[in-house]
Protein backbone atom coordinates (compact mmCIF):
# COMPACT_ATOMS: atom_id res chain seq x y z
CA MET A 1 -45.12 33.27 -1.78
CA ASN A 2 -46.95 35.14 -4.45
CA LEU A 3 -45.86 35.82 -7.99
CA LEU A 4 -44.59 39.34 -7.25
CA GLU A 5 -42.39 38.10 -4.41
CA ALA A 6 -41.03 35.32 -6.60
CA GLN A 7 -40.18 37.77 -9.39
CA GLN A 8 -38.46 40.07 -6.91
CA GLU A 9 -36.42 37.19 -5.49
CA ILE A 10 -35.44 36.08 -8.99
CA GLU A 11 -34.36 39.63 -9.85
CA GLU A 12 -32.28 39.90 -6.68
CA THR A 13 -30.62 36.57 -7.42
CA LYS A 14 -29.95 37.66 -10.99
CA VAL A 15 -28.28 40.89 -9.81
CA ALA A 16 -26.18 38.98 -7.27
CA LEU A 17 -25.05 36.52 -9.94
CA GLU A 18 -24.21 39.33 -12.36
CA ILE A 19 -22.05 40.96 -9.68
CA LYS A 20 -20.27 37.65 -9.06
CA VAL A 21 -19.68 37.20 -12.80
CA ILE A 22 -18.23 40.71 -13.08
CA GLU A 23 -15.95 40.12 -10.07
CA ARG A 24 -14.80 36.74 -11.39
CA THR A 25 -14.19 38.17 -14.86
CA LYS A 26 -12.02 40.91 -13.37
CA GLU A 27 -10.14 38.35 -11.28
CA LEU A 28 -9.52 36.19 -14.35
CA LYS A 29 -8.32 39.19 -16.38
CA ASP A 30 -5.93 40.11 -13.58
CA LEU A 31 -4.61 36.54 -13.45
CA SER A 32 -4.23 36.49 -17.22
CA ASN A 33 -2.31 39.77 -17.18
CA ASN A 34 -0.10 38.47 -14.40
CA LEU A 35 0.64 35.32 -16.37
CA ASP A 36 1.39 37.37 -19.48
CA ASN A 37 3.85 39.47 -17.49
CA GLN A 38 5.50 36.35 -16.06
CA VAL A 39 5.84 34.83 -19.53
CA ARG A 40 7.36 38.05 -20.89
CA GLU A 41 9.85 38.23 -18.02
CA LYS A 42 10.87 34.57 -18.35
CA THR A 43 11.19 34.94 -22.13
CA LYS A 44 13.43 37.97 -21.62
CA LYS A 45 15.63 36.05 -19.17
CA LEU A 46 15.85 33.08 -21.51
CA GLN A 47 16.78 35.34 -24.42
CA GLU A 48 19.54 36.88 -22.31
CA LYS A 49 20.87 33.39 -21.48
CA VAL A 50 20.77 32.39 -25.15
CA GLU A 51 22.72 35.51 -26.09
CA GLU A 52 25.23 34.80 -23.33
CA LEU A 53 25.70 31.23 -24.56
CA GLU A 54 26.08 32.41 -28.16
CA ARG A 55 28.82 34.86 -27.10
CA PHE A 56 30.56 32.11 -25.14
CA ASN A 57 30.29 29.74 -28.09
CA LYS A 58 31.83 32.32 -30.46
CA LEU A 59 34.64 32.93 -27.98
CA VAL A 60 35.41 29.22 -27.65
CA ILE A 61 35.26 28.61 -31.41
CA GLY A 62 37.50 31.62 -32.02
CA ARG A 63 40.00 30.30 -29.51
CA GLU A 64 39.98 26.85 -31.08
CA LEU A 65 40.50 28.30 -34.57
CA LYS A 66 43.50 30.31 -33.33
CA MET A 67 44.95 27.19 -31.73
CA LEU A 68 44.56 25.33 -35.02
CA GLU A 69 46.36 28.16 -36.83
CA LEU A 70 49.21 27.97 -34.37
CA LYS A 71 49.70 24.24 -34.96
């Protein structure tokens, strides 16, 4: 193998690696976006549950206070 062939092979390998890096970077960005969306959705659901529990807590406390007034 002469020097020119070696340089050409190195260049081809470099291009192939650059393509793989680009593809992997895109894949990682997609995974990151997917995870971000999952976190947002789970956070939203948790916030809804917290609000539901807070409403329930206020209802129960209000009921208990009325019962105390009646006694």
